[in-house]
Amino acid sequence: MATSKVKHKASGVNSEINVTPMADIMLVLLIIFMITTPLLQKGITVNLPKGRNVIEMPEAENREALVVGMDRTMRLYLGNVPQDAANLKDGLITAMEVRQQDRVFLKCDQGVVYEKVTETLDLIREVGFEQIGLLVDKQKI
């Protein structure tokens, strides 16, 4: 009798890990984080000046923090809403009275003329704020 030389295949079980679905999930998560991270930033985007002796202020990142910004074109912002000087003053007065804010954070682009920064500081002090934090990036040594 002739015997068949056909080998029987093993069962359909594969012991290797299929990483394709995991790679797909990781790419989707990467895209989600790339889209949402810029949206989480509060206020306007500016190139902050660098400083060596920086004190960390995590409360400046809080959603409730009162942030006055000035971009390179010297346009003023309260949060991320553009303001002129009069409207900024009114907004700060409202924040002080209604929201009981006692601290303001000022973030200005490094290209802003120093005179404009001091004018903005004077306006904030004129409203009555005593605690003003100047936001800078930490200089890498």
C-alpha atoms as a PDB file:
ATOM      1  CA  MET A   1       0.000   0.000   0.000  1.00  0.00           C
ATOM      2  CA  ALA A   2       1.123   3.396  -0.842  1.00  0.00           C
ATOM      3  CA  THR A   3       1.176   5.935   1.874  1.00  0.00           C
ATOM      4  CA  SER A   4       0.466   9.559   1.289  1.00  0.00           C
ATOM      5  CA  LYS A   5       3.310  11.949   1.948  1.00  0.00           C
ATOM      6  CA  VAL A   6       0.931  14.833   2.583  1.00  0.00           C
ATOM      7  CA  LYS A   7       1.644  16.448   5.910  1.00  0.00           C
ATOM      8  CA  HIS A   8      -1.247  17.588   7.964  1.00  0.00           C
ATOM      9  CA  LYS A   9      -1.178  21.223   8.911  1.00  0.00           C
ATOM     10  CA  ALA A  10      -1.286  22.101  12.556  1.00  0.00           C
ATOM     11  CA  SER A  11      -4.397  23.699  13.922  1.00  0.00           C
ATOM     12  CA  GLY A  12      -5.179  27.345  12.962  1.00  0.00           C
ATOM     13  CA  VAL A  13      -3.878  28.698  16.269  1.00  0.00           C
ATOM     14  CA  ASN A  14      -1.094  31.248  15.912  1.00  0.00           C
ATOM     15  CA  SER A  15       1.064  31.973  18.945  1.00  0.00           C
ATOM     16  CA  GLU A  16       2.486  35.275  17.644  1.00  0.00           C
ATOM     17  CA  ILE A  17       1.085  38.615  18.762  1.00  0.00           C
ATOM     18  CA  ASN A  18      -0.616  40.628  16.065  1.00  0.00           C
ATOM     19  CA  VAL A  19       0.578  44.212  16.648  1.00  0.00           C
ATOM     20  CA  THR A  20      -1.259  45.813  13.727  1.00  0.00           C
ATOM     21  CA  PRO A  21      -4.399  46.743  15.722  1.00  0.00           C
ATOM     22  CA  MET A  22      -2.235  48.086  18.547  1.00  0.00           C
ATOM     23  CA  ALA A  23      -0.251  50.247  16.103  1.00  0.00           C
ATOM     24  CA  ASP A  24      -3.523  51.571  14.638  1.00  0.00           C
ATOM     25  CA  ILE A  25      -4.785  52.517  18.090  1.00  0.00           C
ATOM     26  CA  MET A  26      -1.506  54.232  18.972  1.00  0.00           C
ATOM     27  CA  LEU A  27      -1.566  56.284  15.757  1.00  0.00           C
ATOM     28  CA  VAL A  28      -5.150  57.374  16.415  1.00  0.00           C
ATOM     29  CA  LEU A  29      -4.230  58.401  19.977  1.00  0.00           C
ATOM     30  CA  LEU A  30      -1.205  60.318  18.675  1.00  0.00           C
ATOM     31  CA  ILE A  31      -3.392  62.247  16.240  1.00  0.00           C
ATOM     32  CA  ILE A  32      -5.942  63.008  18.974  1.00  0.00           C
ATOM     33  CA  PHE A  33      -3.229  64.357  21.287  1.00  0.00           C
ATOM     34  CA  MET A  34      -1.673  66.403  18.489  1.00  0.00           C
ATOM     35  CA  ILE A  35      -5.023  68.051  17.798  1.00  0.00           C
ATOM     36  CA  THR A  36      -6.179  68.632  21.376  1.00  0.00           C
ATOM     37  CA  THR A  37      -2.921  69.821  22.971  1.00  0.00           C
ATOM     38  CA  PRO A  38      -2.869  73.245  21.263  1.00  0.00           C
ATOM     39  CA  LEU A  39      -6.535  73.696  22.165  1.00  0.00           C
ATOM     40  CA  LEU A  40      -5.762  73.237  25.862  1.00  0.00           C
ATOM     41  CA  GLN A  41      -3.458  76.238  25.895  1.00  0.00           C
ATOM     42  CA  LYS A  42      -5.105  79.184  27.590  1.00  0.00           C
ATOM     43  CA  GLY A  43      -5.032  82.562  25.915  1.00  0.00           C
ATOM     44  CA  ILE A  44      -2.941  83.666  23.006  1.00  0.00           C
ATOM     45  CA  THR A  45       0.261  82.207  21.653  1.00  0.00           C
ATOM     46  CA  VAL A  46       3.321  84.411  22.157  1.00  0.00           C
ATOM     47  CA  ASN A  47       7.073  83.931  22.212  1.00  0.00           C
ATOM     48  CA  LEU A  48       7.752  84.569  25.878  1.00  0.00           C
ATOM     49  CA  PRO A  49      11.061  86.114  26.932  1.00  0.00           C
ATOM     50  CA  LYS A  50      13.536  83.847  28.694  1.00  0.00           C
ATOM     51  CA  GLY A  51      14.565  84.118  32.351  1.00  0.00           C
ATOM     52  CA  ARG A  52      17.048  82.277  34.573  1.00  0.00           C
ATOM     53  CA  ASN A  53      15.604  82.812  38.062  1.00  0.00           C
ATOM     54  CA  VAL A  54      12.061  81.745  37.275  1.00  0.00           C
ATOM     55  CA  ILE A  55       9.536  80.940  39.989  1.00  0.00           C
ATOM     56  CA  GLU A  56       7.044  78.280  38.968  1.00  0.00           C
ATOM     57  CA  MET A  57       3.438  79.529  38.956  1.00  0.00           C
ATOM     58  CA  PRO A  58       1.122  76.588  38.293  1.00  0.00           C
ATOM     59  CA  GLU A  59      -1.890  78.764  39.119  1.00  0.00           C
ATOM     60  CA  ALA A  60      -1.219  80.708  35.887  1.00  0.00           C
ATOM     61  CA  GLU A  61      -2.217  77.584  33.936  1.00  0.00           C
ATOM     62  CA  ASN A  62      -5.563  77.356  35.752  1.00  0.00           C
ATOM     63  CA  ARG A  63      -8.643  78.007  33.611  1.00  0.00           C
ATOM     64  CA  GLU A  64      -9.849  80.558  36.176  1.00  0.00           C
ATOM     65  CA  ALA A  65      -6.601  82.558  36.064  1.00  0.00           C
ATOM     66  CA  LEU A  66      -6.847  86.109  34.811  1.00  0.00           C
ATOM     67  CA  VAL A  67      -4.313  86.500  31.990  1.00  0.00           C
ATOM     68  CA  VAL A  68      -3.625  89.722  30.107  1.00  0.00           C
ATOM     69  CA  GLY A  69      -1.667  89.145  26.923  1.00  0.00           C
ATOM     70  CA  MET A  70       0.073  91.252  24.322  1.00  0.00           C
ATOM     71  CA  ASP A  71       1.162  89.814  20.996  1.00  0.00           C
ATOM     72  CA  ARG A  72       3.949  91.001  18.718  1.00  0.00           C
ATOM     73  CA  THR A  73       1.621  93.532  17.052  1.00  0.00           C
ATOM     74  CA  MET A  74       0.958  95.020  20.528  1.00  0.00           C
ATOM     75  CA  ARG A  75      -2.702  94.011  20.485  1.00  0.00           C
ATOM     76  CA  LEU A  76      -4.044  93.498  24.014  1.00  0.00           C
ATOM     77  CA  TYR A  77      -6.013  90.405  25.067  1.00  0.00           C
ATOM     78  CA  LEU A  78      -7.979  89.471  28.150  1.00  0.00           C
ATOM     79  CA  GLY A  79      -7.778  85.690  28.081  1.00  0.00           C
ATOM     80  CA  ASN A  80      -8.032  85.118  24.336  1.00  0.00           C
ATOM     81  CA  VAL A  81     -10.431  87.976  23.573  1.00  0.00           C
ATOM     82  CA  PRO A  82      -8.863  90.986  21.816  1.00  0.00           C
ATOM     83  CA  GLN A  83      -9.362  94.251  23.720  1.00  0.00           C
ATOM     84  CA  ASP A  84      -8.477  97.895  23.400  1.00  0.00           C
ATOM     85  CA  ALA A  85      -7.153  99.706  26.491  1.00  0.00           C
ATOM     86  CA  ALA A  86     -10.581 100.993  27.627  1.00  0.00           C
ATOM     87  CA  ASN A  87     -12.300  97.609  27.252  1.00  0.00           C
ATOM     88  CA  LEU A  88      -9.376  95.888  28.972  1.00  0.00           C
ATOM     89  CA  LYS A  89      -9.740  98.226  31.923  1.00  0.00           C
ATOM     90  CA  ASP A  90     -13.487  97.523  32.146  1.00  0.00           C
ATOM     91  CA  GLY A  91     -12.882  93.771  31.880  1.00  0.00           C
ATOM     92  CA  LEU A  92     -10.315  93.892  34.665  1.00  0.00           C
ATOM     93  CA  ILE A  93     -12.653  95.907  36.901  1.00  0.00           C
ATOM     94  CA  THR A  94     -15.421  93.367  36.282  1.00  0.00           C
ATOM     95  CA  ALA A  95     -13.063  90.467  37.030  1.00  0.00           C
ATOM     96  CA  MET A  96     -11.953  92.110  40.247  1.00  0.00           C
ATOM     97  CA  GLU A  97     -15.489  92.820  41.468  1.00  0.00           C
ATOM     98  CA  VAL A  98     -17.523  89.883  40.172  1.00  0.00           C
ATOM     99  CA  ARG A  99     -15.033  87.022  40.087  1.00  0.00           C
ATOM    100  CA  GLN A 100     -13.128  88.222  43.153  1.00  0.00           C
ATOM    101  CA  GLN A 101      -9.816  87.979  41.312  1.00  0.00           C
ATOM    102  CA  ASP A 102      -6.853  89.532  43.110  1.00  0.00           C
ATOM    103  CA  ARG A 103      -4.021  88.354  40.851  1.00  0.00           C
ATOM    104  CA  VAL A 104      -3.289  89.042  37.189  1.00  0.00           C
ATOM    105  CA  PHE A 105      -0.747  87.339  34.964  1.00  0.00           C
ATOM    106  CA  LEU A 106       0.819  89.341  32.142  1.00  0.00           C
ATOM    107  CA  LYS A 107       2.260  87.538  29.167  1.00  0.00           C
ATOM    108  CA  CYS A 108       3.871  89.588  26.436  1.00  0.00           C
ATOM    109  CA  ASP A 109       5.730  88.595  23.318  1.00  0.00           C
ATOM    110  CA  GLN A 110       9.487  89.075  23.541  1.00  0.00           C
ATOM    111  CA  GLY A 111       9.313  91.452  20.554  1.00  0.00           C
ATOM    112  CA  VAL A 112       7.044  93.956  22.319  1.00  0.00           C
ATOM    113  CA  VAL A 113       8.531  97.353  23.052  1.00  0.00           C
ATOM    114  CA  TYR A 114       9.272  97.763  26.774  1.00  0.00           C
ATOM    115  CA  GLU A 115       7.312 101.025  26.916  1.00  0.00           C
ATOM    116  CA  LYS A 116       4.114  99.180  25.904  1.00  0.00           C
ATOM    117  CA  VAL A 117       4.697  96.597  28.638  1.00  0.00           C
ATOM    118  CA  THR A 118       5.011  99.335  31.276  1.00  0.00           C
ATOM    119  CA  GLU A 119       1.881 101.069  29.944  1.00  0.00           C
ATOM    120  CA  THR A 120      -0.032  97.803  30.341  1.00  0.00           C
ATOM    121  CA  LEU A 121       1.379  97.308  33.844  1.00  0.00           C
ATOM    122  CA  ASP A 122       0.296 100.855  34.739  1.00  0.00           C
ATOM    123  CA  LEU A 123      -3.218 100.137  33.440  1.00  0.00           C
ATOM    124  CA  ILE A 124      -3.435  96.941  35.517  1.00  0.00           C
ATOM    125  CA  ARG A 125      -2.173  98.743  38.634  1.00  0.00           C
ATOM    126  CA  GLU A 126      -4.604 101.615  37.998  1.00  0.00           C
ATOM    127  CA  VAL A 127      -7.504  99.163  38.218  1.00  0.00           C
ATOM    128  CA  GLY A 128      -6.271  98.111  41.655  1.00  0.00           C
ATOM    129  CA  PHE A 129      -4.409  94.845  41.170  1.00  0.00           C
ATOM    130  CA  GLU A 130      -1.391  94.545  43.447  1.00  0.00           C
ATOM    131  CA  GLN A 131      -0.313  91.013  42.535  1.00  0.00           C
ATOM    132  CA  ILE A 132       0.888  90.903  38.942  1.00  0.00           C
ATOM    133  CA  GLY A 133       2.797  87.902  37.660  1.00  0.00           C
ATOM    134  CA  LEU A 134       5.016  88.299  34.596  1.00  0.00           C
ATOM    135  CA  LEU A 135       5.069  85.077  32.595  1.00  0.00           C
ATOM    136  CA  VAL A 136       8.402  84.018  31.082  1.00  0.00           C
ATOM    137  CA  ASP A 137       9.951  80.795  29.835  1.00  0.00           C
ATOM    138  CA  LYS A 138      12.761  79.220  31.810  1.00  0.00           C
ATOM    139  CA  GLN A 139      16.118  79.720  30.145  1.00  0.00           C
ATOM    140  CA  LYS A 140      17.970  76.495  29.403  1.00  0.00           C
ATOM    141  CA  ILE A 141      21.434  76.500  30.904  1.00  0.00           C
END
